[in-house]
Amino acid sequence: MVLREVLKYIHDSEQIKVSKISRELDIPIGLVECAIRTLKDLKYLMLIKSPSDRDPCKSCLFKLTCDTRGIKMFKSYVITEKGKKLLNDPQ
């Protein structure tokens, strides 16, 4: 199951990048992006936005955005308790 594979990869990695997940799991980038959206919709992943006082390197997953005050923000995800239960389910 692609969703479970992507969730496990995110769980096992400190930093993630969609293209890296795609390469390492040998699935198309579009499918990885769809899996992440679905995992968020199913509440297995939760989006966290945090201000960053430094620019992350270009190789990390965090997508830099700026709010109206010019403060740089990045997107990061955490696995919810529901997501952890899915990973621990021996299916």
C-alpha atoms as a PDB file:
ATOM      1  CA  MET A   1       0.000   0.000   0.000  1.00  0.00           C
ATOM      2  CA  VAL A   2       1.554   3.291  -1.152  1.00  0.00           C
ATOM      3  CA  LEU A   3       0.059   5.347   1.687  1.00  0.00           C
ATOM      4  CA  ARG A   4       1.599   3.108   4.314  1.00  0.00           C
ATOM      5  CA  GLU A   5       4.983   3.090   2.530  1.00  0.00           C
ATOM      6  CA  VAL A   6       5.062   6.894   2.318  1.00  0.00           C
ATOM      7  CA  LEU A   7       3.945   7.260   5.947  1.00  0.00           C
ATOM      8  CA  LYS A   8       6.637   4.827   7.107  1.00  0.00           C
ATOM      9  CA  TYR A   9       9.287   6.654   5.072  1.00  0.00           C
ATOM     10  CA  ILE A  10       8.261   9.984   6.634  1.00  0.00           C
ATOM     11  CA  HIS A  11       8.288   8.380  10.085  1.00  0.00           C
ATOM     12  CA  ASP A  12      11.771   6.923   9.595  1.00  0.00           C
ATOM     13  CA  SER A  13      13.311  10.083   8.091  1.00  0.00           C
ATOM     14  CA  GLU A  14      14.323  13.222   9.922  1.00  0.00           C
ATOM     15  CA  GLN A  15      13.842  15.448   6.889  1.00  0.00           C
ATOM     16  CA  ILE A  16      11.904  14.512   3.826  1.00  0.00           C
ATOM     17  CA  LYS A  17      11.721  15.711   0.268  1.00  0.00           C
ATOM     18  CA  VAL A  18       9.032  14.567  -2.143  1.00  0.00           C
ATOM     19  CA  SER A  19      11.566  13.839  -4.893  1.00  0.00           C
ATOM     20  CA  LYS A  20      13.663  11.742  -2.498  1.00  0.00           C
ATOM     21  CA  ILE A  21      10.642   9.704  -1.387  1.00  0.00           C
ATOM     22  CA  SER A  22       9.769   9.194  -5.053  1.00  0.00           C
ATOM     23  CA  ARG A  23      13.271   8.042  -5.918  1.00  0.00           C
ATOM     24  CA  GLU A  24      13.791   5.766  -2.920  1.00  0.00           C
ATOM     25  CA  LEU A  25      10.348   4.140  -3.052  1.00  0.00           C
ATOM     26  CA  ASP A  26      10.377   4.070  -6.875  1.00  0.00           C
ATOM     27  CA  ILE A  27       6.995   5.757  -7.260  1.00  0.00           C
ATOM     28  CA  PRO A  28       6.102   8.861  -9.307  1.00  0.00           C
ATOM     29  CA  ILE A  29       6.358  12.300  -7.643  1.00  0.00           C
ATOM     30  CA  GLY A  30       2.676  12.947  -8.375  1.00  0.00           C
ATOM     31  CA  LEU A  31       1.721   9.799  -6.509  1.00  0.00           C
ATOM     32  CA  VAL A  32       3.860  10.829  -3.518  1.00  0.00           C
ATOM     33  CA  GLU A  33       2.192  14.258  -3.462  1.00  0.00           C
ATOM     34  CA  CYS A  34      -1.232  12.607  -3.692  1.00  0.00           C
ATOM     35  CA  ALA A  35      -0.297  10.194  -0.883  1.00  0.00           C
ATOM     36  CA  ILE A  36       0.776  13.079   1.375  1.00  0.00           C
ATOM     37  CA  ARG A  37      -2.490  14.938   0.676  1.00  0.00           C
ATOM     38  CA  THR A  38      -4.491  11.767   1.387  1.00  0.00           C
ATOM     39  CA  LEU A  39      -2.532  11.069   4.589  1.00  0.00           C
ATOM     40  CA  LYS A  40      -3.336  14.620   5.736  1.00  0.00           C
ATOM     41  CA  ASP A  41      -7.024  14.229   4.803  1.00  0.00           C
ATOM     42  CA  LEU A  42      -7.198  10.929   6.721  1.00  0.00           C
ATOM     43  CA  LYS A  43      -5.494  12.646   9.680  1.00  0.00           C
ATOM     44  CA  TYR A  44      -2.411  10.395   9.641  1.00  0.00           C
ATOM     45  CA  LEU A  45      -0.218  13.454   9.022  1.00  0.00           C
ATOM     46  CA  MET A  46      -0.649  16.936  10.404  1.00  0.00           C
ATOM     47  CA  LEU A  47       0.755  20.086   8.799  1.00  0.00           C
ATOM     48  CA  ILE A  48       2.705  22.376  11.094  1.00  0.00           C
ATOM     49  CA  LYS A  49       3.802  25.843  10.045  1.00  0.00           C
ATOM     50  CA  SER A  50       6.686  27.362  11.998  1.00  0.00           C
ATOM     51  CA  PRO A  51       8.634  30.555  11.513  1.00  0.00           C
ATOM     52  CA  SER A  52      12.236  30.048  10.555  1.00  0.00           C
ATOM     53  CA  ASP A  53      14.922  32.514  11.448  1.00  0.00           C
ATOM     54  CA  ARG A  54      17.230  31.009   8.845  1.00  0.00           C
ATOM     55  CA  ASP A  55      16.815  29.794   5.305  1.00  0.00           C
ATOM     56  CA  PRO A  56      16.762  25.996   5.141  1.00  0.00           C
ATOM     57  CA  CYS A  57      19.029  24.472   2.544  1.00  0.00           C
ATOM     58  CA  LYS A  58      17.603  23.885  -0.915  1.00  0.00           C
ATOM     59  CA  SER A  59      17.816  20.113  -0.473  1.00  0.00           C
ATOM     60  CA  CYS A  60      15.300  19.863   2.380  1.00  0.00           C
ATOM     61  CA  LEU A  61      11.567  19.256   1.987  1.00  0.00           C
ATOM     62  CA  PHE A  62      10.468  22.375   3.816  1.00  0.00           C
ATOM     63  CA  LYS A  63       8.750  24.625   1.305  1.00  0.00           C
ATOM     64  CA  LEU A  64       9.621  28.184   2.154  1.00  0.00           C
ATOM     65  CA  THR A  65       6.837  30.738   1.974  1.00  0.00           C
ATOM     66  CA  CYS A  66       6.636  34.291   3.237  1.00  0.00           C
ATOM     67  CA  ASP A  67       3.766  35.872   5.066  1.00  0.00           C
ATOM     68  CA  THR A  68       2.731  39.490   4.477  1.00  0.00           C
ATOM     69  CA  ARG A  69       5.404  40.785   6.890  1.00  0.00           C
ATOM     70  CA  GLY A  70       8.161  39.026   4.964  1.00  0.00           C
ATOM     71  CA  ILE A  71       8.738  36.436   7.696  1.00  0.00           C
ATOM     72  CA  LYS A  72       9.902  33.194   6.166  1.00  0.00           C
ATOM     73  CA  MET A  73       7.802  30.164   7.000  1.00  0.00           C
ATOM     74  CA  PHE A  74       8.240  26.498   6.211  1.00  0.00           C
ATOM     75  CA  LYS A  75       5.855  23.577   6.002  1.00  0.00           C
ATOM     76  CA  SER A  76       6.545  20.519   8.046  1.00  0.00           C
ATOM     77  CA  TYR A  77       4.515  17.436   8.861  1.00  0.00           C
ATOM     78  CA  VAL A  78       4.221  15.317  11.968  1.00  0.00           C
ATOM     79  CA  ILE A  79       2.699  11.871  12.194  1.00  0.00           C
ATOM     80  CA  THR A  80      -0.403  11.866  14.360  1.00  0.00           C
ATOM     81  CA  GLU A  81      -1.276   9.226  16.937  1.00  0.00           C
ATOM     82  CA  LYS A  82      -3.685   7.764  14.367  1.00  0.00           C
ATOM     83  CA  GLY A  83      -0.786   7.515  11.907  1.00  0.00           C
ATOM     84  CA  LYS A  84       1.438   5.834  14.503  1.00  0.00           C
ATOM     85  CA  LYS A  85      -1.310   3.277  15.181  1.00  0.00           C
ATOM     86  CA  LEU A  86      -1.508   2.509  11.460  1.00  0.00           C
ATOM     87  CA  LEU A  87       2.240   1.911  11.338  1.00  0.00           C
ATOM     88  CA  ASN A  88       2.102  -0.357  14.382  1.00  0.00           C
ATOM     89  CA  ASP A  89      -0.807  -2.382  12.974  1.00  0.00           C
ATOM     90  CA  PRO A  90       0.739  -5.706  11.780  1.00  0.00           C
ATOM     91  CA  GLN A  91      -1.535  -5.973   8.690  1.00  0.00           C
END
